[in-house]
Amino acid sequence: MAKAEELSTDWQRSAGDFSCSICRRKRLTAQDFSKKQVDKALESLQSIPEKDIRNGQEIKTVLFITAVCKKCMEEKEQKEKEEAAARREEREQAIAATELEAPPRVEILSKF
């Protein structure tokens, strides 16, 4: 009897049907993506306008799903945090460099 290693039927070692739209890695499994990304990608399959609607055993269909992987999302979030920190630092420097002057004093003469 053949073993799973010989037939490559071990689902944990098999390649997936996902690809990352940013780093272009292909054949990723669903665990390389957040649940929200997987749900969004699977939902987008329902709205494919030119989807092959044929069915039957003789027709073989393979769907590859594109989303943003966890690695790219983490890198994107880290980059956004760094940019926000840089903008905050720049704003704080501008505030510190700005000297506020007292407005000119205006005397009001009263007729009483």
PDB file of N, CA and C in Angstrom:
ATOM      1  N   MET A   1       0.839  -1.180   0.000  1.00  0.00           N
ATOM      2  CA  MET A   1       0.000   0.000   0.000  1.00  0.00           C
ATOM      3  C   MET A   1       0.882   1.241   0.000  1.00  0.00           C
ATOM      4  N   ALA A   2       0.509   2.224  -0.773  1.00  0.00           N
ATOM      5  CA  ALA A   2       1.269   3.467  -0.890  1.00  0.00           C
ATOM      6  C   ALA A   2       1.048   4.334   0.337  1.00  0.00           C
ATOM      7  N   LYS A   3       2.067   5.081   0.712  1.00  0.00           N
ATOM      8  CA  LYS A   3       1.992   5.979   1.854  1.00  0.00           C
ATOM      9  C   LYS A   3       1.705   7.398   1.366  1.00  0.00           C
ATOM     10  N   ALA A   4       1.264   8.251   2.273  1.00  0.00           N
ATOM     11  CA  ALA A   4       0.935   9.634   1.929  1.00  0.00           C
ATOM     12  C   ALA A   4       2.152  10.371   1.387  1.00  0.00           C
ATOM     13  N   GLU A   5       3.362  10.037   1.898  1.00  0.00           N
ATOM     14  CA  GLU A   5       4.576  10.709   1.424  1.00  0.00           C
ATOM     15  C   GLU A   5       4.838  10.396  -0.049  1.00  0.00           C
ATOM     16  N   GLU A   6       4.496   9.177  -0.470  1.00  0.00           N
ATOM     17  CA  GLU A   6       4.728   8.768  -1.855  1.00  0.00           C
ATOM     18  C   GLU A   6       3.717   9.403  -2.809  1.00  0.00           C
ATOM     19  N   LEU A   7       2.499   9.585  -2.346  1.00  0.00           N
ATOM     20  CA  LEU A   7       1.439  10.105  -3.204  1.00  0.00           C
ATOM     21  C   LEU A   7       1.234  11.606  -3.085  1.00  0.00           C
ATOM     22  N   SER A   8       1.908  12.217  -2.137  1.00  0.00           N
ATOM     23  CA  SER A   8       1.754  13.652  -1.896  1.00  0.00           C
ATOM     24  C   SER A   8       0.304  14.021  -1.611  1.00  0.00           C
ATOM     25  N   THR A   9      -0.356  13.221  -0.792  1.00  0.00           N
ATOM     26  CA  THR A   9      -1.744  13.520  -0.442  1.00  0.00           C
ATOM     27  C   THR A   9      -1.862  14.125   0.952  1.00  0.00           C
ATOM     28  N   ASP A  10      -0.738  14.386   1.592  1.00  0.00           N
ATOM     29  CA  ASP A  10      -0.760  14.983   2.919  1.00  0.00           C
ATOM     30  C   ASP A  10      -1.152  16.446   2.768  1.00  0.00           C
ATOM     31  N   TRP A  11      -2.330  16.800   3.274  1.00  0.00           N
ATOM     32  CA  TRP A  11      -2.848  18.150   3.073  1.00  0.00           C
ATOM     33  C   TRP A  11      -2.002  19.206   3.747  1.00  0.00           C
ATOM     34  N   GLN A  12      -1.252  18.841   4.807  1.00  0.00           N
ATOM     35  CA  GLN A  12      -0.419  19.821   5.496  1.00  0.00           C
ATOM     36  C   GLN A  12       0.829  20.173   4.683  1.00  0.00           C
ATOM     37  N   ARG A  13       1.261  19.268   3.807  1.00  0.00           N
ATOM     38  CA  ARG A  13       2.446  19.542   2.993  1.00  0.00           C
ATOM     39  C   ARG A  13       2.082  19.980   1.578  1.00  0.00           C
ATOM     40  N   SER A  14       0.839  19.868   1.215  1.00  0.00           N
ATOM     41  CA  SER A  14       0.461  20.184  -0.155  1.00  0.00           C
ATOM     42  C   SER A  14       0.394  21.690  -0.390  1.00  0.00           C
ATOM     43  N   ALA A  15       0.581  22.063  -1.627  1.00  0.00           N
ATOM     44  CA  ALA A  15       0.513  23.477  -1.994  1.00  0.00           C
ATOM     45  C   ALA A  15      -0.940  23.918  -2.013  1.00  0.00           C
ATOM     46  N   GLY A  16      -1.156  25.184  -1.784  1.00  0.00           N
ATOM     47  CA  GLY A  16      -2.515  25.702  -1.750  1.00  0.00           C
ATOM     48  C   GLY A  16      -2.914  26.335  -3.064  1.00  0.00           C
ATOM     49  N   ASP A  17      -4.072  26.928  -3.051  1.00  0.00           N
ATOM     50  CA  ASP A  17      -4.631  27.564  -4.240  1.00  0.00           C
ATOM     51  C   ASP A  17      -4.647  29.077  -4.127  1.00  0.00           C
ATOM     52  N   PHE A  18      -3.886  29.633  -3.197  1.00  0.00           N
ATOM     53  CA  PHE A  18      -3.854  31.072  -2.995  1.00  0.00           C
ATOM     54  C   PHE A  18      -2.544  31.657  -3.527  1.00  0.00           C
ATOM     55  N   SER A  19      -2.597  32.915  -3.920  1.00  0.00           N
ATOM     56  CA  SER A  19      -1.381  33.653  -4.278  1.00  0.00           C
ATOM     57  C   SER A  19      -1.497  35.046  -3.676  1.00  0.00           C
ATOM     58  N   CYS A  20      -0.341  35.648  -3.385  1.00  0.00           N
ATOM     59  CA  CYS A  20      -0.324  36.976  -2.785  1.00  0.00           C
ATOM     60  C   CYS A  20      -0.243  38.019  -3.898  1.00  0.00           C
ATOM     61  N   SER A  21      -1.075  39.023  -3.818  1.00  0.00           N
ATOM     62  CA  SER A  21      -1.118  40.050  -4.853  1.00  0.00           C
ATOM     63  C   SER A  21      -0.002  41.080  -4.706  1.00  0.00           C
ATOM     64  N   ILE A  22       0.703  41.069  -3.578  1.00  0.00           N
ATOM     65  CA  ILE A  22       1.774  42.046  -3.378  1.00  0.00           C
ATOM     66  C   ILE A  22       3.145  41.429  -3.663  1.00  0.00           C
ATOM     67  N   CYS A  23       3.477  40.331  -2.969  1.00  0.00           N
ATOM     68  CA  CYS A  23       4.810  39.728  -3.152  1.00  0.00           C
ATOM     69  C   CYS A  23       4.821  38.704  -4.286  1.00  0.00           C
ATOM     70  N   ARG A  24       3.669  38.400  -4.830  1.00  0.00           N
ATOM     71  CA  ARG A  24       3.512  37.492  -5.969  1.00  0.00           C
ATOM     72  C   ARG A  24       3.893  36.041  -5.669  1.00  0.00           C
ATOM     73  N   ARG A  25       3.950  35.665  -4.385  1.00  0.00           N
ATOM     74  CA  ARG A  25       4.186  34.260  -4.074  1.00  0.00           C
ATOM     75  C   ARG A  25       2.945  33.485  -4.471  1.00  0.00           C
ATOM     76  N   LYS A  26       3.150  32.262  -4.955  1.00  0.00           N
ATOM     77  CA  LYS A  26       2.039  31.465  -5.460  1.00  0.00           C
ATOM     78  C   LYS A  26       1.924  30.161  -4.694  1.00  0.00           C
ATOM     79  N   ARG A  27       0.798  29.507  -4.877  1.00  0.00           N
ATOM     80  CA  ARG A  27       0.516  28.190  -4.295  1.00  0.00           C
ATOM     81  C   ARG A  27       0.612  28.204  -2.775  1.00  0.00           C
ATOM     82  N   LEU A  28       0.103  29.270  -2.167  1.00  0.00           N
ATOM     83  CA  LEU A  28       0.089  29.400  -0.715  1.00  0.00           C
ATOM     84  C   LEU A  28      -1.174  28.754  -0.156  1.00  0.00           C
ATOM     85  N   THR A  29      -1.096  28.314   1.089  1.00  0.00           N
ATOM     86  CA  THR A  29      -2.266  27.735   1.731  1.00  0.00           C
ATOM     87  C   THR A  29      -3.054  28.837   2.431  1.00  0.00           C
ATOM     88  N   ALA A  30      -4.247  28.528   2.857  1.00  0.00           N
ATOM     89  CA  ALA A  30      -5.112  29.520   3.499  1.00  0.00           C
ATOM     90  C   ALA A  30      -4.524  30.020   4.810  1.00  0.00           C
ATOM     91  N   GLN A  31      -3.694  29.228   5.475  1.00  0.00           N
ATOM     92  CA  GLN A  31      -3.143  29.665   6.750  1.00  0.00           C
ATOM     93  C   GLN A  31      -2.095  30.764   6.581  1.00  0.00           C
ATOM     94  N   ASP A  32      -1.671  31.056   5.358  1.00  0.00           N
ATOM     95  CA  ASP A  32      -0.758  32.168   5.094  1.00  0.00           C
ATOM     96  C   ASP A  32      -1.509  33.496   5.009  1.00  0.00           C
ATOM     97  N   PHE A  33      -2.828  33.455   5.186  1.00  0.00           N
ATOM     98  CA  PHE A  33      -3.662  34.642   5.057  1.00  0.00           C
ATOM     99  C   PHE A  33      -4.533  34.791   6.291  1.00  0.00           C
ATOM    100  N   SER A  34      -4.948  36.019   6.561  1.00  0.00           N
ATOM    101  CA  SER A  34      -5.868  36.242   7.676  1.00  0.00           C
ATOM    102  C   SER A  34      -7.250  35.734   7.264  1.00  0.00           C
ATOM    103  N   LYS A  35      -8.069  35.446   8.251  1.00  0.00           N
ATOM    104  CA  LYS A  35      -9.418  34.946   7.974  1.00  0.00           C
ATOM    105  C   LYS A  35     -10.202  35.954   7.147  1.00  0.00           C
ATOM    106  N   LYS A  36     -10.012  37.235   7.448  1.00  0.00           N
ATOM    107  CA  LYS A  36     -10.726  38.282   6.715  1.00  0.00           C
ATOM    108  C   LYS A  36     -10.313  38.281   5.237  1.00  0.00           C
ATOM    109  N   GLN A  37      -9.011  38.114   4.967  1.00  0.00           N
ATOM    110  CA  GLN A  37      -8.536  38.081   3.576  1.00  0.00           C
ATOM    111  C   GLN A  37      -9.079  36.861   2.842  1.00  0.00           C
ATOM    112  N   VAL A  38      -9.104  35.709   3.519  1.00  0.00           N
ATOM    113  CA  VAL A  38      -9.619  34.485   2.895  1.00  0.00           C
ATOM    114  C   VAL A  38     -11.107  34.648   2.581  1.00  0.00           C
ATOM    115  N   ASP A  39     -11.867  35.150   3.548  1.00  0.00           N
ATOM    116  CA  ASP A  39     -13.304  35.351   3.325  1.00  0.00           C
ATOM    117  C   ASP A  39     -13.555  36.318   2.171  1.00  0.00           C
ATOM    118  N   LYS A  40     -12.781  37.395   2.125  1.00  0.00           N
ATOM    119  CA  LYS A  40     -12.931  38.391   1.070  1.00  0.00           C
ATOM    120  C   LYS A  40     -12.601  37.784  -0.297  1.00  0.00           C
ATOM    121  N   ALA A  41     -11.530  36.979  -0.363  1.00  0.00           N
ATOM    122  CA  ALA A  41     -11.133  36.357  -1.628  1.00  0.00           C
ATOM    123  C   ALA A  41     -12.165  35.332  -2.082  1.00  0.00           C
ATOM    124  N   LEU A  42     -12.660  34.527  -1.159  1.00  0.00           N
ATOM    125  CA  LEU A  42     -13.661  33.522  -1.527  1.00  0.00           C
ATOM    126  C   LEU A  42     -14.973  34.184  -1.946  1.00  0.00           C
ATOM    127  N   GLU A  43     -15.314  35.294  -1.305  1.00  0.00           N
ATOM    128  CA  GLU A  43     -16.524  36.029  -1.675  1.00  0.00           C
ATOM    129  C   GLU A  43     -16.394  36.608  -3.085  1.00  0.00           C
ATOM    130  N   SER A  44     -15.183  37.041  -3.422  1.00  0.00           N
ATOM    131  CA  SER A  44     -14.978  37.616  -4.760  1.00  0.00           C
ATOM    132  C   SER A  44     -15.147  36.572  -5.859  1.00  0.00           C
ATOM    133  N   LEU A  45     -14.985  35.298  -5.532  1.00  0.00           N
ATOM    134  CA  LEU A  45     -15.192  34.242  -6.530  1.00  0.00           C
ATOM    135  C   LEU A  45     -16.642  34.202  -7.008  1.00  0.00           C
ATOM    136  N   GLN A  46     -17.559  34.597  -6.159  1.00  0.00           N
ATOM    137  CA  GLN A  46     -18.975  34.562  -6.517  1.00  0.00           C
ATOM    138  C   GLN A  46     -19.323  35.603  -7.569  1.00  0.00           C
ATOM    139  N   SER A  47     -18.492  36.637  -7.686  1.00  0.00           N
ATOM    140  CA  SER A  47     -18.824  37.732  -8.603  1.00  0.00           C
ATOM    141  C   SER A  47     -17.961  37.748  -9.862  1.00  0.00           C
ATOM    142  N   ILE A  48     -17.328  36.628 -10.197  1.00  0.00           N
ATOM    143  CA  ILE A  48     -16.532  36.566 -11.424  1.00  0.00           C
ATOM    144  C   ILE A  48     -17.492  36.553 -12.612  1.00  0.00           C
ATOM    145  N   PRO A  49     -17.417  37.571 -13.493  1.00  0.00           N
ATOM    146  CA  PRO A  49     -18.385  37.658 -14.587  1.00  0.00           C
ATOM    147  C   PRO A  49     -18.220  36.567 -15.647  1.00  0.00           C
ATOM    148  N   GLU A  50     -16.998  36.112 -15.886  1.00  0.00           N
ATOM    149  CA  GLU A  50     -16.754  35.140 -16.944  1.00  0.00           C
ATOM    150  C   GLU A  50     -16.469  33.758 -16.375  1.00  0.00           C
ATOM    151  N   LYS A  51     -17.092  33.446 -15.256  1.00  0.00           N
ATOM    152  CA  LYS A  51     -16.865  32.176 -14.583  1.00  0.00           C
ATOM    153  C   LYS A  51     -17.455  31.036 -15.408  1.00  0.00           C
ATOM    154  N   ASP A  52     -16.705  29.945 -15.488  1.00  0.00           N
ATOM    155  CA  ASP A  52     -17.157  28.762 -16.211  1.00  0.00           C
ATOM    156  C   ASP A  52     -18.219  28.065 -15.368  1.00  0.00           C
ATOM    157  N   ILE A  53     -19.427  28.005 -15.863  1.00  0.00           N
ATOM    158  CA  ILE A  53     -20.522  27.437 -15.078  1.00  0.00           C
ATOM    159  C   ILE A  53     -20.793  25.983 -15.457  1.00  0.00           C
ATOM    160  N   ARG A  54     -19.977  25.412 -16.328  1.00  0.00           N
ATOM    161  CA  ARG A  54     -20.161  24.008 -16.688  1.00  0.00           C
ATOM    162  C   ARG A  54     -19.831  23.143 -15.485  1.00  0.00           C
ATOM    163  N   ASN A  55     -20.467  22.021 -15.407  1.00  0.00           N
ATOM    164  CA  ASN A  55     -20.142  21.096 -14.336  1.00  0.00           C
ATOM    165  C   ASN A  55     -20.244  19.667 -14.843  1.00  0.00           C
ATOM    166  N   GLY A  56     -19.680  18.788 -14.112  1.00  0.00           N
ATOM    167  CA  GLY A  56     -19.664  17.381 -14.490  1.00  0.00           C
ATOM    168  C   GLY A  56     -18.303  16.792 -14.160  1.00  0.00           C
ATOM    169  N   GLN A  57     -18.235  15.479 -14.145  1.00  0.00           N
ATOM    170  CA  GLN A  57     -16.981  14.820 -13.774  1.00  0.00           C
ATOM    171  C   GLN A  57     -15.897  14.981 -14.829  1.00  0.00           C
ATOM    172  N   GLU A  58     -16.283  15.116 -16.081  1.00  0.00           N
ATOM    173  CA  GLU A  58     -15.289  15.244 -17.151  1.00  0.00           C
ATOM    174  C   GLU A  58     -14.659  16.633 -17.216  1.00  0.00           C
ATOM    175  N   ILE A  59     -15.258  17.604 -16.567  1.00  0.00           N
ATOM    176  CA  ILE A  59     -14.744  18.977 -16.584  1.00  0.00           C
ATOM    177  C   ILE A  59     -13.968  19.232 -15.302  1.00  0.00           C
ATOM    178  N   LYS A  60     -12.714  19.550 -15.481  1.00  0.00           N
ATOM    179  CA  LYS A  60     -11.843  19.802 -14.330  1.00  0.00           C
ATOM    180  C   LYS A  60     -11.619  21.308 -14.205  1.00  0.00           C
ATOM    181  N   THR A  61     -11.896  21.850 -13.046  1.00  0.00           N
ATOM    182  CA  THR A  61     -11.693  23.275 -12.811  1.00  0.00           C
ATOM    183  C   THR A  61     -10.727  23.468 -11.649  1.00  0.00           C
ATOM    184  N   VAL A  62      -9.856  24.429 -11.807  1.00  0.00           N
ATOM    185  CA  VAL A  62      -8.914  24.787 -10.760  1.00  0.00           C
ATOM    186  C   VAL A  62      -9.023  26.293 -10.564  1.00  0.00           C
ATOM    187  N   LEU A  63      -9.264  26.695  -9.335  1.00  0.00           N
ATOM    188  CA  LEU A  63      -9.377  28.114  -9.015  1.00  0.00           C
ATOM    189  C   LEU A  63      -8.175  28.531  -8.176  1.00  0.00           C
ATOM    190  N   PHE A  64      -7.540  29.593  -8.582  1.00  0.00           N
ATOM    191  CA  PHE A  64      -6.460  30.165  -7.796  1.00  0.00           C
ATOM    192  C   PHE A  64      -6.945  31.502  -7.273  1.00  0.00           C
ATOM    193  N   ILE A  65      -6.795  31.695  -5.980  1.00  0.00           N
ATOM    194  CA  ILE A  65      -7.353  32.857  -5.313  1.00  0.00           C
ATOM    195  C   ILE A  65      -6.237  33.819  -4.936  1.00  0.00           C
ATOM    196  N   THR A  66      -6.439  35.097  -5.190  1.00  0.00           N
ATOM    197  CA  THR A  66      -5.442  36.113  -4.887  1.00  0.00           C
ATOM    198  C   THR A  66      -5.907  36.968  -3.723  1.00  0.00           C
ATOM    199  N   ALA A  67      -4.989  37.177  -2.773  1.00  0.00           N
ATOM    200  CA  ALA A  67      -5.260  38.015  -1.611  1.00  0.00           C
ATOM    201  C   ALA A  67      -3.906  38.559  -1.138  1.00  0.00           C
ATOM    202  N   VAL A  68      -3.885  39.240   0.001  1.00  0.00           N
ATOM    203  CA  VAL A  68      -2.650  39.782   0.566  1.00  0.00           C
ATOM    204  C   VAL A  68      -2.258  38.884   1.743  1.00  0.00           C
ATOM    205  N   CYS A  69      -1.058  38.296   1.680  1.00  0.00           N
ATOM    206  CA  CYS A  69      -0.634  37.354   2.715  1.00  0.00           C
ATOM    207  C   CYS A  69      -0.309  38.077   4.028  1.00  0.00           C
ATOM    208  N   LYS A  70      -0.236  37.298   5.105  1.00  0.00           N
ATOM    209  CA  LYS A  70       0.038  37.861   6.434  1.00  0.00           C
ATOM    210  C   LYS A  70       1.382  38.575   6.470  1.00  0.00           C
ATOM    211  N   LYS A  71       2.374  38.003   5.805  1.00  0.00           N
ATOM    212  CA  LYS A  71       3.715  38.601   5.797  1.00  0.00           C
ATOM    213  C   LYS A  71       3.680  39.998   5.185  1.00  0.00           C
ATOM    214  N   CYS A  72       3.011  40.129   4.059  1.00  0.00           N
ATOM    215  CA  CYS A  72       2.926  41.440   3.390  1.00  0.00           C
ATOM    216  C   CYS A  72       2.084  42.421   4.210  1.00  0.00           C
ATOM    217  N   MET A  73       1.026  41.920   4.847  1.00  0.00           N
ATOM    218  CA  MET A  73       0.191  42.792   5.688  1.00  0.00           C
ATOM    219  C   MET A  73       0.992  43.324   6.870  1.00  0.00           C
ATOM    220  N   GLU A  74       1.805  42.454   7.490  1.00  0.00           N
ATOM    221  CA  GLU A  74       2.623  42.887   8.622  1.00  0.00           C
ATOM    222  C   GLU A  74       3.638  43.934   8.181  1.00  0.00           C
ATOM    223  N   GLU A  75       4.271  43.707   7.011  1.00  0.00           N
ATOM    224  CA  GLU A  75       5.238  44.674   6.494  1.00  0.00           C
ATOM    225  C   GLU A  75       4.555  46.009   6.189  1.00  0.00           C
ATOM    226  N   LYS A  76       3.356  45.945   5.607  1.00  0.00           N
ATOM    227  CA  LYS A  76       2.611  47.161   5.271  1.00  0.00           C
ATOM    228  C   LYS A  76       2.235  47.929   6.537  1.00  0.00           C
ATOM    229  N   GLU A  77       1.744  47.199   7.554  1.00  0.00           N
ATOM    230  CA  GLU A  77       1.369  47.848   8.814  1.00  0.00           C
ATOM    231  C   GLU A  77       2.576  48.467   9.495  1.00  0.00           C
ATOM    232  N   GLN A  78       3.719  47.763   9.469  1.00  0.00           N
ATOM    233  CA  GLN A  78       4.939  48.294  10.074  1.00  0.00           C
ATOM    234  C   GLN A  78       5.386  49.568   9.353  1.00  0.00           C
ATOM    235  N   LYS A  79       5.312  49.558   8.040  1.00  0.00           N
ATOM    236  CA  LYS A  79       5.696  50.731   7.255  1.00  0.00           C
ATOM    237  C   LYS A  79       4.780  51.912   7.576  1.00  0.00           C
ATOM    238  N   GLU A  80       3.471  51.648   7.675  1.00  0.00           N
ATOM    239  CA  GLU A  80       2.517  52.706   8.013  1.00  0.00           C
ATOM    240  C   GLU A  80       2.792  53.282   9.396  1.00  0.00           C
ATOM    241  N   LYS A  81       3.133  52.419  10.357  1.00  0.00           N
ATOM    242  CA  LYS A  81       3.453  52.888  11.714  1.00  0.00           C
ATOM    243  C   LYS A  81       4.692  53.775  11.699  1.00  0.00           C
ATOM    244  N   GLU A  82       5.710  53.358  10.939  1.00  0.00           N
ATOM    245  CA  GLU A  82       6.938  54.157  10.852  1.00  0.00           C
ATOM    246  C   GLU A  82       6.672  55.507  10.208  1.00  0.00           C
ATOM    247  N   GLU A  83       5.860  55.519   9.146  1.00  0.00           N
ATOM    248  CA  GLU A  83       5.530  56.781   8.483  1.00  0.00           C
ATOM    249  C   GLU A  83       4.733  57.689   9.411  1.00  0.00           C
ATOM    250  N   ALA A  84       3.796  57.117  10.161  1.00  0.00           N
ATOM    251  CA  ALA A  84       2.996  57.912  11.102  1.00  0.00           C
ATOM    252  C   ALA A  84       3.879  58.491  12.202  1.00  0.00           C
ATOM    253  N   ALA A  85       4.834  57.692  12.695  1.00  0.00           N
ATOM    254  CA  ALA A  85       5.751  58.180  13.726  1.00  0.00           C
ATOM    255  C   ALA A  85       6.621  59.309  13.179  1.00  0.00           C
ATOM    256  N   ALA A  86       7.061  59.176  11.928  1.00  0.00           N
ATOM    257  CA  ALA A  86       7.882  60.220  11.308  1.00  0.00           C
ATOM    258  C   ALA A  86       7.071  61.510  11.149  1.00  0.00           C
ATOM    259  N   ARG A  87       5.812  61.386  10.713  1.00  0.00           N
ATOM    260  CA  ARG A  87       4.957  62.568  10.569  1.00  0.00           C
ATOM    261  C   ARG A  87       4.701  63.221  11.922  1.00  0.00           C
ATOM    262  N   ARG A  88       4.467  62.403  12.946  1.00  0.00           N
ATOM    263  CA  ARG A  88       4.230  62.926  14.294  1.00  0.00           C
ATOM    264  C   ARG A  88       5.462  63.671  14.797  1.00  0.00           C
ATOM    265  N   GLU A  89       6.634  63.098  14.593  1.00  0.00           N
ATOM    266  CA  GLU A  89       7.885  63.728  15.016  1.00  0.00           C
ATOM    267  C   GLU A  89       8.090  65.052  14.278  1.00  0.00           C
ATOM    268  N   GLU A  90       7.805  65.056  12.986  1.00  0.00           N
ATOM    269  CA  GLU A  90       7.937  66.273  12.176  1.00  0.00           C
ATOM    270  C   GLU A  90       6.987  67.361  12.678  1.00  0.00           C
ATOM    271  N   ARG A  91       5.751  66.968  13.008  1.00  0.00           N
ATOM    272  CA  ARG A  91       4.773  67.910  13.540  1.00  0.00           C
ATOM    273  C   ARG A  91       5.220  68.483  14.883  1.00  0.00           C
ATOM    274  N   GLU A  92       5.742  67.610  15.749  1.00  0.00           N
ATOM    275  CA  GLU A  92       6.196  68.062  17.062  1.00  0.00           C
ATOM    276  C   GLU A  92       7.386  69.016  16.938  1.00  0.00           C
ATOM    277  N   GLN A  93       8.273  68.757  15.978  1.00  0.00           N
ATOM    278  CA  GLN A  93       9.405  69.659  15.748  1.00  0.00           C
ATOM    279  C   GLN A  93       8.914  71.003  15.237  1.00  0.00           C
ATOM    280  N   ALA A  94       7.936  70.991  14.357  1.00  0.00           N
ATOM    281  CA  ALA A  94       7.387  72.237  13.827  1.00  0.00           C
ATOM    282  C   ALA A  94       6.715  73.039  14.933  1.00  0.00           C
ATOM    283  N   ILE A  95       6.028  72.361  15.826  1.00  0.00           N
ATOM    284  CA  ILE A  95       5.379  73.033  16.951  1.00  0.00           C
ATOM    285  C   ILE A  95       6.425  73.642  17.879  1.00  0.00           C
ATOM    286  N   ALA A  96       7.487  72.881  18.157  1.00  0.00           N
ATOM    287  CA  ALA A  96       8.535  73.375  19.048  1.00  0.00           C
ATOM    288  C   ALA A  96       9.282  74.558  18.433  1.00  0.00           C
ATOM    289  N   ALA A  97       9.421  74.560  17.107  1.00  0.00           N
ATOM    290  CA  ALA A  97      10.162  75.625  16.431  1.00  0.00           C
ATOM    291  C   ALA A  97       9.330  76.903  16.290  1.00  0.00           C
ATOM    292  N   THR A  98       8.040  76.766  16.402  1.00  0.00           N
ATOM    293  CA  THR A  98       7.162  77.918  16.250  1.00  0.00           C
ATOM    294  C   THR A  98       7.107  78.698  17.558  1.00  0.00           C
ATOM    295  N   GLU A  99       7.419  79.982  17.457  1.00  0.00           N
ATOM    296  CA  GLU A  99       7.322  80.846  18.632  1.00  0.00           C
ATOM    297  C   GLU A  99       6.064  81.676  18.515  1.00  0.00           C
ATOM    298  N   LEU A 100       5.292  81.619  19.532  1.00  0.00           N
ATOM    299  CA  LEU A 100       4.062  82.409  19.540  1.00  0.00           C
ATOM    300  C   LEU A 100       4.362  83.767  20.160  1.00  0.00           C
ATOM    301  N   GLU A 101       3.988  84.783  19.456  1.00  0.00           N
ATOM    302  CA  GLU A 101       4.179  86.145  19.959  1.00  0.00           C
ATOM    303  C   GLU A 101       2.849  86.656  20.482  1.00  0.00           C
ATOM    304  N   ALA A 102       2.944  87.467  21.483  1.00  0.00           N
ATOM    305  CA  ALA A 102       1.726  88.063  22.022  1.00  0.00           C
ATOM    306  C   ALA A 102       1.168  89.032  20.993  1.00  0.00           C
ATOM    307  N   PRO A 103      -0.126  89.095  20.886  1.00  0.00           N
ATOM    308  CA  PRO A 103      -0.712  90.034  19.919  1.00  0.00           C
ATOM    309  C   PRO A 103      -0.439  91.467  20.369  1.00  0.00           C
ATOM    310  N   PRO A 104      -0.435  92.389  19.425  1.00  0.00           N
ATOM    311  CA  PRO A 104      -0.173  93.779  19.805  1.00  0.00           C
ATOM    312  C   PRO A 104      -1.262  94.285  20.770  1.00  0.00           C
ATOM    313  N   ARG A 105      -0.820  95.063  21.693  1.00  0.00           N
ATOM    314  CA  ARG A 105      -1.747  95.569  22.709  1.00  0.00           C
ATOM    315  C   ARG A 105      -2.517  96.761  22.129  1.00  0.00           C
ATOM    316  N   VAL A 106      -3.806  96.732  22.313  1.00  0.00           N
ATOM    317  CA  VAL A 106      -4.670  97.780  21.782  1.00  0.00           C
ATOM    318  C   VAL A 106      -5.334  98.467  22.993  1.00  0.00           C
ATOM    319  N   GLU A 107      -5.197  99.760  23.011  1.00  0.00           N
ATOM    320  CA  GLU A 107      -5.820 100.504  24.116  1.00  0.00           C
ATOM    321  C   GLU A 107      -7.194 100.966  23.671  1.00  0.00           C
ATOM    322  N   ILE A 108      -8.118 100.789  24.530  1.00  0.00           N
ATOM    323  CA  ILE A 108      -9.487 101.203  24.244  1.00  0.00           C
ATOM    324  C   ILE A 108      -9.780 102.403  25.122  1.00  0.00           C
ATOM    325  N   LEU A 109     -10.102 103.481  24.482  1.00  0.00           N
ATOM    326  CA  LEU A 109     -10.416 104.694  25.217  1.00  0.00           C
ATOM    327  C   LEU A 109     -11.919 104.727  25.482  1.00  0.00           C
ATOM    328  N   SER A 110     -12.226 104.938  26.684  1.00  0.00           N
ATOM    329  CA  SER A 110     -13.655 105.020  27.002  1.00  0.00           C
ATOM    330  C   SER A 110     -14.038 106.480  27.176  1.00  0.00           C
ATOM    331  N   LYS A 111     -15.199 106.835  26.836  1.00  0.00           N
ATOM    332  CA  LYS A 111     -15.673 108.202  26.915  1.00  0.00           C
ATOM    333  C   LYS A 111     -16.346 108.468  28.246  1.00  0.00           C
ATOM    334  N   PHE A 112     -16.415 107.568  29.097  1.00  0.00           N
ATOM    335  CA  PHE A 112     -17.096 107.767  30.380  1.00  0.00           C
ATOM    336  C   PHE A 112     -16.219 108.337  31.395  1.00  0.00           C
TER     337      PHE A 112
END
